[in-house]
Amino acid sequence: MLLKESLRGLVAFAVSCVASSACADSIRSYDHIVVIYQENHSFDNLYGLWDAVNGKRVNGLSFADFWHTRQVRFDNQATPYSCLLQNDVNLTSPTPLATTCTDATAATAFVSAFANAPFKIDSYIASTDTTCPNPYGASAANGFLKGAGLPGGCTRDLVHRFYNEQFQINGGKQNRYVTGSDAAGLAMGYYDTKALPLYKYLQGRRAPNYVIADNFFQAAFGGSFLNHQWLIAAATPVFAGAANDGGSTDFHSVVDVNGMPTSTPLYASPLGAAAKDAQLSASCHPPVGRPATPAGVVCGDYAINTNQPFYQPYAPGTADARRLPPLTNTTIGDRLSARRVDWAWYAGGWSNANGDKNALGWTNGAGPSCADPHAMPTATFPNCPDKLFQFHHHPFNYFAAYAPGKAARADHLRDEAQFFDAARRGRLPAVSFVKPLGAENEHPGYTSETGGSNHLVDLVKAIVEGPNGHDTLIIITYDEFGGAWDHVPPPSAANRIGPYDVWGPGTRVPTILISKKLQRSNVDHVAHDTTSILKLIEERFGLAPLATRDARVQSLESALRD
């Protein structure tokens, strides 16, 4: 069976290379592929001001149709807001910002310092402002007021969940990001692209060439958990044996007639408190006492929002019943291992969280308690996760094939410190996935955008300046949009620019390829989603597709064509 599967993969690879005359000169010339998976930004939010690259335009904010994507009320979609409601503590009116706009279009009038249009976050919250969590790992629903936090220019977090995002995209109109967000107007914010450390680095004289992929979408609607699963398996997990009785262990969402499982500051769900935004999709057959699931809403026992893994490391204190039962579907790791291709998932903070005492990245001493002051106070030695270690960012830990004690776990799940060491020594595996720790992954709410971008530069430099730099392709992308608006509609039945299904793709996200092999910097306009990375890996190493989407999607190899 394994031989047949490998042969099928090689045939598919050969066919794809016949279709692409550049294949032999691009994919096959790379001995190493590194995927750096950052957090929670839409393309317009982060790369919207990227200049033209060698004369080729980047589809950013200068090409956005603000009139047709102007944010509208739900109850009367012909009526756009006059202003942007803000609840981040550093953006509200009449304090700390003076009122310049009064909105009477919403159900309840509000005042604001923002017209209904995209705005530059840096103009109000600078990268040096003291608005980041204080103390380390703390949280605040609407952010930390300047002077109350630590330097870094952090904003509040924005909702980014499965049903909300579909409501926000609104069939490709892109005009309900504000209405469907718990952060309201912050969804229209964007960063000064040219101030990002990664942008500055790539404009330097000795920097490697790069390709911006400006038509790249997150694979699945919603948040980090689901998109990490799609990155490695191109599939939505099923919660085996999920309760469907309306009790305390029934984790199904309850969705209203408009497809929403919750209310927001600018949207009142007709279900009121009966709406439920939970870790599973809505039930196809809700128990007595729960509203019927509307037609057209994805339903079943699917794990769509954050679920904790069954295996350590998981959030301390999570009950067994709430943790996703071990998964058994095939991953890209399984495919690579079957072909004897070396690979690893490198995670910031993994040694501490996994209890790998004295391994690279371990900072918690000899016990009996966790010595690192940044360790979660509820942690039990030797599992000493950092306060900003995000358990749902590590998808292989959800699979039985990588359970504690399995050789595959020790062989392939490693700390980010080991990645830096491998890059320095010239010992990178053929395929590397790199997931920075929360403090360095750019996620709004708990980390600094500038700090995360600086860490990206450190990762890129470690690769291109190391012994493997001459034959390594670096792919930097983001798991999902983080609740931020983007003007480009994702693939759908309306535009058919790429494959789509009930799971996505969702909002466009920043993606860039970097390599010393690239002859010049460029822009790739081909429609891709996260599974295009899987397609590229499958083509490079002769692997069969994992599922329907990665079989049909355009390979990211298109970005390597001159």
Protein backbone atom coordinates (compact mmCIF):
# COMPACT_ATOMS: atom_id res chain seq x y z
CA MET A 1 0.00 0.00 0.00
CA LEU A 2 2.81 2.41 0.90
CA LEU A 3 4.60 1.72 -2.39
CA LYS A 4 1.42 2.34 -4.38
CA GLU A 5 0.81 5.62 -2.53
CA SER A 6 4.37 6.79 -3.22
CA LEU A 7 4.07 5.89 -6.90
CA ARG A 8 0.80 7.82 -7.17
CA GLY A 9 2.51 10.82 -5.62
CA LEU A 10 5.42 10.61 -8.05
CA VAL A 11 3.06 10.38 -11.03
CA ALA A 12 1.16 13.46 -9.79
CA PHE A 13 4.47 15.26 -9.34
CA ALA A 14 5.64 14.36 -12.85
CA VAL A 15 2.37 15.59 -14.37
CA SER A 16 2.58 18.89 -12.51
CA CYS A 17 6.17 19.41 -13.67
CA VAL A 18 5.20 18.77 -17.30
CA ALA A 19 2.58 21.48 -16.91
CA SER A 20 5.19 23.89 -15.56
CA SER A 21 8.32 24.38 -17.62
CA ALA A 22 9.96 26.13 -14.68
CA CYS A 23 9.44 23.23 -12.28
CA ALA A 24 12.82 21.58 -12.72
CA ASP A 25 14.58 24.91 -12.21
CA SER A 26 12.59 25.96 -9.16
CA ILE A 27 11.11 23.38 -6.81
CA ARG A 28 13.70 20.69 -7.45
CA SER A 29 16.58 23.08 -6.87
CA TYR A 30 15.64 23.59 -3.22
CA ASP A 31 16.89 21.04 -0.71
CA HIS A 32 15.22 22.75 2.24
CA ILE A 33 11.81 24.37 2.73
CA VAL A 34 11.13 26.42 5.85
CA VAL A 35 7.55 27.51 6.66
CA ILE A 36 7.32 30.25 9.29
CA TYR A 37 3.74 30.48 10.56
CA GLN A 38 2.90 33.86 12.12
CA GLU A 39 -0.31 35.09 13.72
CA ASN A 40 -3.45 37.04 12.96
CA HIS A 41 -3.16 39.71 10.31
CA SER A 42 -4.95 40.27 7.02
CA PHE A 43 -2.96 41.28 3.95
CA ASP A 44 -4.27 44.86 3.93
CA ASN A 45 -3.72 45.13 7.67
CA LEU A 46 0.00 44.37 7.39
CA TYR A 47 1.20 44.51 3.77
CA GLY A 48 -1.34 47.00 2.42
CA LEU A 49 1.30 49.71 1.86
CA TRP A 50 3.97 47.50 0.27
CA ASP A 51 5.51 49.32 -2.70
CA ALA A 52 5.58 47.94 -6.21
CA VAL A 53 8.26 45.27 -6.58
CA ASN A 54 10.48 45.68 -9.66
CA GLY A 55 7.68 47.54 -11.37
CA LYS A 56 4.95 45.02 -10.49
CA ARG A 57 2.09 46.36 -8.40
CA VAL A 58 1.09 44.84 -5.09
CA ASN A 59 -2.69 44.62 -4.64
CA GLY A 60 -2.84 46.62 -1.44
CA LEU A 61 -4.72 49.58 -0.08
CA SER A 62 -4.08 51.80 -3.10
CA PHE A 63 -6.17 49.37 -5.18
CA ALA A 64 -8.95 48.87 -2.63
CA ASP A 65 -12.50 49.79 -3.62
CA PHE A 66 -13.48 51.58 -0.43
CA TRP A 67 -16.93 52.46 -1.69
CA HIS A 68 -18.08 48.90 -2.33
CA THR A 69 -16.41 47.55 0.81
CA ARG A 70 -17.57 50.40 3.05
CA GLN A 71 -18.72 48.94 6.35
CA VAL A 72 -22.49 48.72 6.71
CA ARG A 73 -25.17 48.08 9.28
CA PHE A 74 -26.63 44.59 9.35
CA ASP A 75 -30.29 45.58 9.56
CA ASN A 76 -30.02 47.95 6.59
CA GLN A 77 -27.10 47.08 4.39
CA ALA A 78 -27.78 50.05 2.13
CA THR A 79 -26.76 52.28 5.03
CA PRO A 80 -23.04 52.59 5.77
CA TYR A 81 -21.87 53.86 9.12
CA SER A 82 -20.79 57.50 9.24
CA CYS A 83 -18.08 56.73 11.78
CA LEU A 84 -16.15 53.79 13.19
CA LEU A 85 -17.15 52.77 16.70
CA GLN A 86 -14.02 52.11 18.77
CA ASN A 87 -13.58 50.30 22.09
CA ASP A 88 -9.80 49.89 22.26
CA VAL A 89 -8.97 52.07 25.27
CA ASN A 90 -6.49 54.10 23.22
CA LEU A 91 -8.92 54.85 20.38
CA THR A 92 -12.15 55.83 22.12
CA SER A 93 -13.87 59.23 22.16
CA PRO A 94 -14.32 61.75 23.70
CA THR A 95 -11.24 60.53 25.59
CA PRO A 96 -8.43 59.90 25.00
CA LEU A 97 -9.18 61.06 21.42
CA ALA A 98 -11.24 64.14 20.62
CA THR A 99 -14.59 63.56 18.93
CA THR A 100 -14.62 64.42 15.24
CA CYS A 101 -17.51 62.26 14.06
CA THR A 102 -21.03 61.52 15.30
CA ASP A 103 -22.86 58.46 14.00
CA ALA A 104 -26.64 58.31 14.07
CA THR A 105 -26.98 55.41 11.63
CA ALA A 106 -26.52 52.65 14.22
CA ALA A 107 -29.27 51.49 16.56
CA THR A 108 -27.57 53.53 19.28
CA ALA A 109 -25.80 56.74 18.31
CA PHE A 110 -22.08 56.97 19.12
CA VAL A 111 -19.19 59.41 18.79
CA SER A 112 -15.78 58.71 17.32
CA ALA A 113 -12.49 60.15 16.10
CA PHE A 114 -12.67 57.96 12.99
CA ALA A 115 -14.64 58.23 9.77
CA ASN A 116 -15.86 55.01 8.16
CA ALA A 117 -12.63 54.17 6.31
CA PRO A 118 -9.36 52.30 6.84
CA PHE A 119 -6.98 54.08 9.22
CA LYS A 120 -3.29 53.76 10.09
CA ILE A 121 -2.92 52.28 13.57
CA ASP A 122 0.61 53.71 13.93
CA SER A 123 -0.82 57.24 13.82
CA TYR A 124 -2.61 56.59 17.13
CA ILE A 125 -0.67 53.77 18.78
CA ALA A 126 3.05 54.00 17.98
CA SER A 127 5.42 51.03 18.20
CA THR A 128 7.04 52.64 21.25
CA ASP A 129 3.81 53.31 23.16
CA THR A 130 3.35 51.60 26.51
CA THR A 131 0.25 49.60 25.60
CA CYS A 132 1.44 45.99 25.83
CA PRO A 133 0.35 43.55 28.56
CA ASN A 134 1.65 44.43 32.00
CA PRO A 135 2.64 42.23 33.72
CA TYR A 136 3.88 39.72 31.13
CA GLY A 137 1.05 37.44 30.09
CA ALA A 138 -1.72 39.65 31.45
CA SER A 139 -4.84 40.33 29.41
CA ALA A 140 -7.33 43.17 29.11
CA ALA A 141 -10.53 43.01 27.08
CA ASN A 142 -10.00 46.40 25.45
CA GLY A 143 -6.24 46.77 25.77
CA PHE A 144 -3.93 48.68 28.09
CA LEU A 145 -4.15 52.47 28.18
CA LYS A 146 -0.92 54.28 27.32
CA GLY A 147 1.17 54.48 30.44
CA ALA A 148 -0.44 51.42 32.02
CA GLY A 149 1.37 48.83 29.92
CA LEU A 150 4.79 47.94 28.59
CA PRO A 151 6.42 49.41 25.45
CA GLY A 152 5.54 47.89 22.07
CA GLY A 153 2.40 49.55 20.71
CA CYS A 154 0.00 46.64 21.27
CA THR A 155 -3.71 46.91 20.48
CA ARG A 156 -6.58 44.93 21.94
CA ASP A 157 -7.37 41.56 20.36
CA LEU A 158 -10.17 41.12 17.81
CA VAL A 159 -12.59 38.21 17.45
CA HIS A 160 -11.56 35.74 14.75
CA ARG A 161 -13.89 32.74 14.83
CA PHE A 162 -15.47 30.40 12.33
CA TYR A 163 -19.02 31.72 11.97
CA ASN A 164 -18.13 35.36 12.65
CA GLU A 165 -15.73 35.52 9.75
CA GLN A 166 -18.29 34.23 7.25
CA PHE A 167 -20.70 36.89 8.48
CA GLN A 168 -17.97 39.52 8.11
CA ILE A 169 -16.99 38.51 4.56
CA ASN A 170 -20.68 38.74 3.63
CA GLY A 171 -20.54 36.76 0.42
CA GLY A 172 -17.47 38.61 -0.83
CA LYS A 173 -18.76 42.11 -0.18
CA GLN A 174 -16.13 42.48 2.60
CA ASN A 175 -18.38 45.01 4.33
CA ARG A 176 -19.35 43.51 7.70
CA TYR A 177 -15.97 43.19 9.39
CA VAL A 178 -16.88 46.03 11.75
CA THR A 179 -20.44 44.87 12.43
CA GLY A 180 -19.33 41.29 13.13
CA SER A 181 -16.40 42.21 15.40
CA ASP A 182 -16.18 42.55 19.15
CA ALA A 183 -13.53 45.23 18.49
CA ALA A 184 -15.80 47.11 16.02
CA GLY A 185 -13.79 49.81 14.19
CA LEU A 186 -10.37 48.40 15.01
CA ALA A 187 -11.06 45.86 12.25
CA MET A 188 -10.38 48.66 9.73
CA GLY A 189 -6.94 49.48 11.12
CA TYR A 190 -3.70 48.84 9.23
CA TYR A 191 0.01 49.18 9.96
CA ASP A 192 2.61 51.27 8.20
CA THR A 193 4.11 48.48 6.10
CA LYS A 194 7.30 50.41 5.42
CA ALA A 195 8.00 50.73 9.15
CA LEU A 196 7.97 46.96 9.67
CA PRO A 197 11.41 45.54 10.47
CA LEU A 198 10.91 42.78 7.88
CA TYR A 199 10.12 45.33 5.15
CA LYS A 200 13.19 47.41 6.05
CA TYR A 201 15.40 44.32 6.08
CA LEU A 202 14.25 43.16 2.65
CA GLN A 203 14.98 46.57 1.13
CA GLY A 204 18.58 46.37 2.34
CA ARG A 205 21.50 46.03 -0.06
CA ARG A 206 22.51 42.56 1.11
CA ALA A 207 19.05 41.15 1.64
CA PRO A 208 17.90 38.10 -0.33
CA ASN A 209 15.29 38.49 -3.05
CA TYR A 210 11.65 37.83 -2.28
CA VAL A 211 8.24 37.29 -3.85
CA ILE A 212 5.06 38.78 -2.40
CA ALA A 213 2.05 36.49 -2.91
CA ASP A 214 -0.76 39.05 -2.91
CA ASN A 215 -3.65 36.66 -3.61
CA PHE A 216 -3.11 34.17 -0.76
CA PHE A 217 -6.00 33.27 1.58
CA GLN A 218 -6.25 31.46 4.90
CA ALA A 219 -7.41 27.90 4.22
CA ALA A 220 -10.36 27.83 6.63
CA PHE A 221 -12.72 30.38 8.11
CA GLY A 222 -12.03 31.40 11.68
CA GLY A 223 -9.08 31.19 13.99
CA SER A 224 -5.69 29.73 14.69
CA PHE A 225 -6.70 26.25 15.85
CA LEU A 226 -8.52 25.31 12.65
CA ASN A 227 -6.01 26.88 10.29
CA HIS A 228 -3.11 25.07 11.95
CA GLN A 229 -4.98 21.84 11.31
CA TRP A 230 -5.41 22.77 7.66
CA LEU A 231 -1.71 23.65 7.37
CA ILE A 232 -0.68 20.09 8.21
CA ALA A 233 -3.72 17.98 7.22
CA ALA A 234 -5.96 20.01 4.86
CA ALA A 235 -8.95 18.91 6.92
CA THR A 236 -11.27 19.96 9.72
CA PRO A 237 -11.04 17.64 12.75
CA VAL A 238 -14.03 15.69 14.06
CA PHE A 239 -14.68 15.56 17.81
CA ALA A 240 -15.29 11.82 18.24
CA GLY A 241 -18.19 10.94 20.52
CA ALA A 242 -19.32 14.56 20.92
CA ALA A 243 -22.30 14.98 23.27
CA ASN A 244 -25.48 16.38 21.71
CA ASP A 245 -27.78 16.60 24.72
CA GLY A 246 -27.70 20.29 25.64
CA GLY A 247 -25.76 19.51 28.81
CA SER A 248 -22.54 20.91 30.22
CA THR A 249 -20.40 18.76 27.94
CA ASP A 250 -22.32 19.59 24.77
CA PHE A 251 -19.88 21.87 23.00
CA HIS A 252 -21.88 22.61 19.86
CA SER A 253 -22.36 26.21 18.81
CA VAL A 254 -25.87 27.66 18.53
CA VAL A 255 -26.22 29.85 15.45
CA ASP A 256 -28.96 32.34 14.65
CA VAL A 257 -30.82 32.80 11.36
CA ASN A 258 -28.12 35.25 10.19
CA GLY A 259 -25.34 32.71 10.70
CA MET A 260 -24.05 34.34 13.88
CA PRO A 261 -23.42 32.55 17.20
CA THR A 262 -23.08 35.73 19.25
CA SER A 263 -23.83 39.43 19.55
CA THR A 264 -21.31 42.22 19.04
CA PRO A 265 -21.34 45.94 19.87
CA LEU A 266 -23.04 46.60 16.51
CA TYR A 267 -25.04 43.39 16.07
CA ALA A 268 -27.78 42.04 18.34
CA SER A 269 -28.42 38.35 17.75
CA PRO A 270 -32.15 37.56 17.64
CA LEU A 271 -31.35 34.54 19.83
CA GLY A 272 -30.02 36.76 22.60
CA ALA A 273 -28.35 34.74 25.32
CA ALA A 274 -29.37 31.49 23.61
CA ALA A 275 -26.73 32.06 20.92
CA LYS A 276 -23.57 30.14 21.70
CA ASP A 277 -20.13 30.48 20.14
CA ALA A 278 -18.47 27.25 21.22
CA GLN A 279 -15.64 24.94 20.22
CA LEU A 280 -17.71 22.76 17.85
CA SER A 281 -19.88 23.50 14.85
CA ALA A 282 -23.64 23.75 15.31
CA SER A 283 -25.53 20.51 15.79
CA CYS A 284 -27.33 19.20 12.70
CA HIS A 285 -30.08 17.94 15.01
CA PRO A 286 -30.15 20.08 18.15
CA PRO A 287 -31.69 18.54 21.27
CA VAL A 288 -35.03 19.68 22.62
CA GLY A 289 -34.72 23.16 24.09
CA ARG A 290 -32.16 24.44 21.58
CA PRO A 291 -33.04 26.44 18.44
CA ALA A 292 -32.92 24.66 15.10
CA THR A 293 -29.76 25.15 13.07
CA PRO A 294 -30.59 27.28 10.00
CA ALA A 295 -30.26 25.75 6.54
CA GLY A 296 -26.90 26.45 4.92
CA VAL A 297 -25.00 26.62 8.22
CA VAL A 298 -22.17 24.09 8.55
CA CYS A 299 -23.20 21.57 11.18
CA GLY A 300 -21.93 18.37 12.77
CA ASP A 301 -19.32 17.36 15.33
CA TYR A 302 -16.52 19.39 13.79
CA ALA A 303 -13.86 21.10 15.91
CA ILE A 304 -13.92 24.59 14.40
CA ASN A 305 -12.82 26.91 17.21
CA THR A 306 -10.11 26.48 19.83
CA ASN A 307 -9.95 22.96 21.27
CA GLN A 308 -7.27 21.82 23.69
CA PRO A 309 -5.27 18.71 22.72
CA PHE A 310 -5.80 15.50 24.65
CA TYR A 311 -2.07 15.11 25.24
CA GLN A 312 0.26 17.29 27.26
CA PRO A 313 0.98 20.10 26.82
CA TYR A 314 -2.55 21.46 27.16
CA ALA A 315 -3.94 24.38 29.16
CA PRO A 316 -3.57 23.44 32.83
CA GLY A 317 -6.84 22.40 34.40
CA THR A 318 -8.69 21.59 31.15
CA ALA A 319 -11.09 18.73 31.89
CA ASP A 320 -10.72 15.51 29.90
CA ALA A 321 -14.19 15.95 28.39
CA ARG A 322 -13.24 19.33 26.89
CA ARG A 323 -10.08 18.08 25.17
CA LEU A 324 -10.23 16.92 21.56
CA PRO A 325 -9.92 13.12 21.34
CA PRO A 326 -6.70 12.06 19.55
CA LEU A 327 -6.86 12.42 15.77
CA THR A 328 -5.87 9.69 13.32
CA ASN A 329 -6.21 11.26 9.86
CA THR A 330 -3.10 11.61 7.70
CA THR A 331 -0.82 14.64 7.99
CA ILE A 332 1.95 16.04 5.82
CA GLY A 333 4.35 14.75 8.47
CA ASP A 334 3.12 11.20 7.90
CA ARG A 335 3.54 11.60 4.15
CA LEU A 336 7.09 12.93 4.52
CA SER A 337 8.09 10.21 6.97
CA ALA A 338 6.75 7.52 4.65
CA ARG A 339 9.08 8.86 1.95
CA ARG A 340 11.94 9.04 4.48
CA VAL A 341 12.12 12.82 4.13
CA ASP A 342 13.43 14.48 7.29
CA TRP A 343 11.13 17.14 8.78
CA ALA A 344 10.36 18.89 12.06
CA TRP A 345 7.86 21.20 13.74
CA TYR A 346 9.86 23.76 15.73
CA ALA A 347 7.93 25.65 18.41
CA GLY A 348 8.98 28.52 20.63
CA GLY A 349 8.69 27.38 24.25
CA TRP A 350 8.21 23.69 23.36
CA SER A 351 10.92 22.26 25.63
CA ASN A 352 9.42 24.02 28.65
CA ALA A 353 5.82 23.14 27.79
CA ASN A 354 6.59 19.52 26.92
CA GLY A 355 8.78 18.95 29.96
CA ASP A 356 11.94 18.27 27.95
CA LYS A 357 14.33 18.89 30.82
CA ASN A 358 17.79 20.14 29.84
CA ALA A 359 16.98 20.17 26.11
CA LEU A 360 17.73 23.28 24.06
CA GLY A 361 15.14 25.88 25.07
CA TRP A 362 14.64 24.50 28.60
CA THR A 363 14.72 27.30 31.23
CA ASN A 364 13.01 25.77 34.26
CA GLY A 365 15.79 24.24 36.32
CA ALA A 366 15.80 20.91 38.08
CA GLY A 367 12.46 21.19 39.89
CA PRO A 368 10.43 20.43 41.86
CA SER A 369 8.68 23.63 40.66
CA CYS A 370 8.98 25.64 37.45
CA ALA A 371 11.87 28.08 37.88
CA ASP A 372 11.24 30.42 34.94
CA PRO A 373 9.29 33.49 36.17
CA HIS A 374 7.42 33.50 32.84
CA ALA A 375 6.04 30.00 33.42
CA MET A 376 2.29 29.68 33.95
CA PRO A 377 1.62 29.86 37.70
CA THR A 378 -0.76 26.88 37.43
CA ALA A 379 1.84 24.70 35.67
CA THR A 380 2.98 21.43 37.22
CA PHE A 381 6.66 20.52 36.84
CA PRO A 382 8.07 19.35 34.46
CA ASN A 383 5.38 20.73 32.10
CA CYS A 384 6.23 24.42 32.49
CA PRO A 385 4.61 26.32 29.60
CA ASP A 386 5.33 30.01 29.17
CA LYS A 387 2.42 32.32 29.97
CA LEU A 388 2.20 33.10 26.25
CA PHE A 389 2.54 29.52 25.02
CA GLN A 390 -0.55 28.84 22.92
CA PHE A 391 -1.40 25.13 23.12
CA HIS A 392 -3.66 25.15 20.06
CA HIS A 393 -0.82 26.40 17.85
CA HIS A 394 0.85 22.98 17.78
CA PRO A 395 -1.26 20.76 15.55
CA PHE A 396 0.82 17.58 15.55
CA ASN A 397 0.23 17.27 19.29
CA TYR A 398 -3.43 16.49 18.51
CA PHE A 399 -2.54 13.30 16.62
CA ALA A 400 -2.17 9.79 18.03
CA ALA A 401 0.89 9.22 15.81
CA TYR A 402 2.75 11.87 17.86
CA ALA A 403 1.51 10.94 21.32
CA PRO A 404 3.86 11.21 24.32
CA GLY A 405 6.24 8.27 24.29
CA LYS A 406 6.05 7.76 20.52
CA ALA A 407 9.35 7.90 18.65
CA ALA A 408 7.78 10.20 16.06
CA ARG A 409 7.16 12.81 18.75
CA ALA A 410 10.78 12.93 19.85
CA ASP A 411 11.98 12.83 16.25
CA HIS A 412 9.83 15.62 14.88
CA LEU A 413 8.46 17.95 17.61
CA ARG A 414 11.23 20.27 18.73
CA ASP A 415 11.94 23.63 20.33
CA GLU A 416 12.57 26.74 18.24
CA ALA A 417 15.99 26.99 19.91
CA GLN A 418 16.86 23.77 18.09
CA PHE A 419 15.90 25.41 14.81
CA PHE A 420 18.33 28.27 15.36
CA ASP A 421 21.00 25.72 16.27
CA ALA A 422 20.28 23.62 13.16
CA ALA A 423 20.37 26.72 10.94
CA ARG A 424 23.69 27.80 12.43
CA ARG A 425 25.23 24.34 11.97
CA GLY A 426 23.83 23.74 8.49
CA ARG A 427 21.69 20.83 9.69
CA LEU A 428 18.20 21.93 8.71
CA PRO A 429 15.84 19.07 7.84
CA ALA A 430 14.34 19.00 4.36
CA VAL A 431 11.09 20.53 5.67
CA SER A 432 10.81 22.77 8.73
CA PHE A 433 7.73 24.37 10.23
CA VAL A 434 8.55 27.18 12.67
CA LYS A 435 6.02 28.49 15.19
CA PRO A 436 7.32 31.34 17.37
CA LEU A 437 6.23 31.75 20.98
CA GLY A 438 3.35 34.13 21.68
CA ALA A 439 5.62 37.02 22.59
CA GLU A 440 7.15 36.86 19.10
CA ASN A 441 4.32 35.79 16.79
CA GLU A 442 2.65 39.21 16.11
CA HIS A 443 -0.74 38.25 17.61
CA PRO A 444 -2.76 41.39 18.55
CA GLY A 445 -3.69 41.64 22.18
CA TYR A 446 -0.75 39.92 23.78
CA THR A 447 2.28 40.88 21.74
CA SER A 448 3.88 43.69 19.77
CA GLU A 449 3.75 43.82 15.98
CA THR A 450 7.25 45.32 15.84
CA GLY A 451 8.64 42.71 18.21
CA GLY A 452 7.19 39.91 16.11
CA SER A 453 8.56 41.38 12.90
CA ASN A 454 12.01 41.74 14.48
CA HIS A 455 11.88 38.06 15.37
CA LEU A 456 11.02 37.25 11.75
CA VAL A 457 14.15 39.06 10.64
CA ASP A 458 16.20 37.04 13.14
CA LEU A 459 14.76 33.79 11.74
CA VAL A 460 15.38 34.80 8.12
CA LYS A 461 18.95 35.90 8.86
CA ALA A 462 19.67 32.65 10.70
CA ILE A 463 18.66 30.73 7.58
CA VAL A 464 20.16 32.79 4.76
CA GLU A 465 23.41 33.46 6.62
CA GLY A 466 23.81 29.81 7.61
CA PRO A 467 25.36 26.93 5.64
CA ASN A 468 21.95 25.88 4.23
CA GLY A 469 21.07 29.39 3.06
CA HIS A 470 22.02 28.79 -0.57
CA ASP A 471 19.42 26.04 -1.14
CA THR A 472 16.59 26.97 1.23
CA LEU A 473 13.18 28.38 0.33
CA ILE A 474 11.58 30.39 3.16
CA ILE A 475 7.80 30.80 3.21
CA ILE A 476 6.43 33.32 5.70
CA THR A 477 2.68 33.35 6.08
CA TYR A 478 -0.01 34.00 8.69
CA ASP A 479 -2.46 31.49 10.07
CA GLU A 480 -5.47 33.78 9.71
CA PHE A 481 -6.73 37.35 9.49
CA GLY A 482 -7.00 38.07 13.21
CA GLY A 483 -10.34 39.82 12.70
CA ALA A 484 -8.90 42.51 10.40
CA TRP A 485 -10.58 43.70 7.18
CA ASP A 486 -9.25 42.98 3.71
CA HIS A 487 -10.67 44.26 0.44
CA VAL A 488 -10.14 41.14 -1.74
CA PRO A 489 -12.95 38.53 -1.71
CA PRO A 490 -11.76 34.96 -1.10
CA PRO A 491 -12.43 32.14 -3.61
CA SER A 492 -16.12 31.29 -3.75
CA ALA A 493 -18.92 30.21 -6.06
CA ALA A 494 -19.28 33.87 -7.07
CA ASN A 495 -15.74 34.34 -8.41
CA ARG A 496 -14.28 30.82 -8.80
CA ILE A 497 -10.71 32.10 -8.63
CA GLY A 498 -9.65 28.98 -6.78
CA PRO A 499 -11.04 25.88 -5.06
CA TYR A 500 -13.46 26.44 -2.19
CA ASP A 501 -15.76 24.45 0.07
CA VAL A 502 -17.82 24.89 3.24
CA TRP A 503 -14.63 25.40 5.28
CA GLY A 504 -13.10 28.24 3.28
CA PRO A 505 -10.89 29.79 2.10
CA GLY A 506 -11.26 32.81 4.34
CA THR A 507 -9.70 36.27 4.35
CA ARG A 508 -6.51 37.11 2.43
CA VAL A 509 -3.36 36.95 4.58
CA PRO A 510 0.23 38.20 4.13
CA THR A 511 2.56 35.72 2.43
CA ILE A 512 6.11 36.16 1.22
CA LEU A 513 8.73 33.78 -0.18
CA ILE A 514 12.41 34.52 0.40
CA SER A 515 15.48 32.84 -1.04
CA LYS A 516 19.04 33.56 -2.10
CA LYS A 517 18.27 31.52 -5.23
CA LEU A 518 15.63 33.95 -6.52
CA GLN A 519 17.02 35.94 -9.45
CA ARG A 520 15.00 39.02 -8.56
CA SER A 521 12.20 40.15 -6.29
CA ASN A 522 8.69 39.83 -7.69
CA VAL A 523 4.93 39.72 -7.07
CA ASP A 524 2.79 36.61 -7.57
CA HIS A 525 -0.90 37.29 -8.32
CA VAL A 526 -2.00 33.61 -8.57
CA ALA A 527 -4.81 32.63 -6.19
CA HIS A 528 -3.54 30.44 -3.35
CA ASP A 529 -4.60 29.31 0.09
CA THR A 530 -2.71 27.72 2.98
CA THR A 531 -2.95 24.30 1.34
CA SER A 532 -0.85 25.67 -1.54
CA ILE A 533 2.10 25.22 0.82
CA LEU A 534 1.18 21.54 1.18
CA LYS A 535 0.92 21.30 -2.62
CA LEU A 536 4.43 22.74 -2.99
CA ILE A 537 5.87 20.26 -0.48
CA GLU A 538 4.00 17.40 -2.14
CA GLU A 539 5.37 18.36 -5.55
CA ARG A 540 8.92 18.76 -4.29
CA PHE A 541 9.05 15.38 -2.59
CA GLY A 542 6.69 13.33 -4.75
CA LEU A 543 3.87 12.96 -2.23
CA ALA A 544 0.22 12.18 -2.87
CA PRO A 545 -2.30 14.90 -1.88
CA LEU A 546 -3.80 14.71 1.60
CA ALA A 547 -7.32 15.77 0.64
CA THR A 548 -9.46 17.42 -2.01
CA ARG A 549 -8.31 21.00 -1.46
CA ASP A 550 -4.55 20.46 -1.72
CA ALA A 551 -5.18 18.25 -4.76
CA ARG A 552 -7.02 21.08 -6.56
CA VAL A 553 -5.33 24.25 -5.35
CA GLN A 554 -2.62 26.07 -7.30
CA SER A 555 0.83 25.21 -5.98
CA LEU A 556 2.83 28.02 -4.43
CA GLU A 557 5.45 27.04 -7.01
CA SER A 558 3.90 29.73 -9.22
CA ALA A 559 5.60 32.32 -7.04
CA LEU A 560 8.99 30.95 -8.09
CA ARG A 561 8.45 31.57 -11.79
CA ASP A 562 10.10 34.70 -13.08
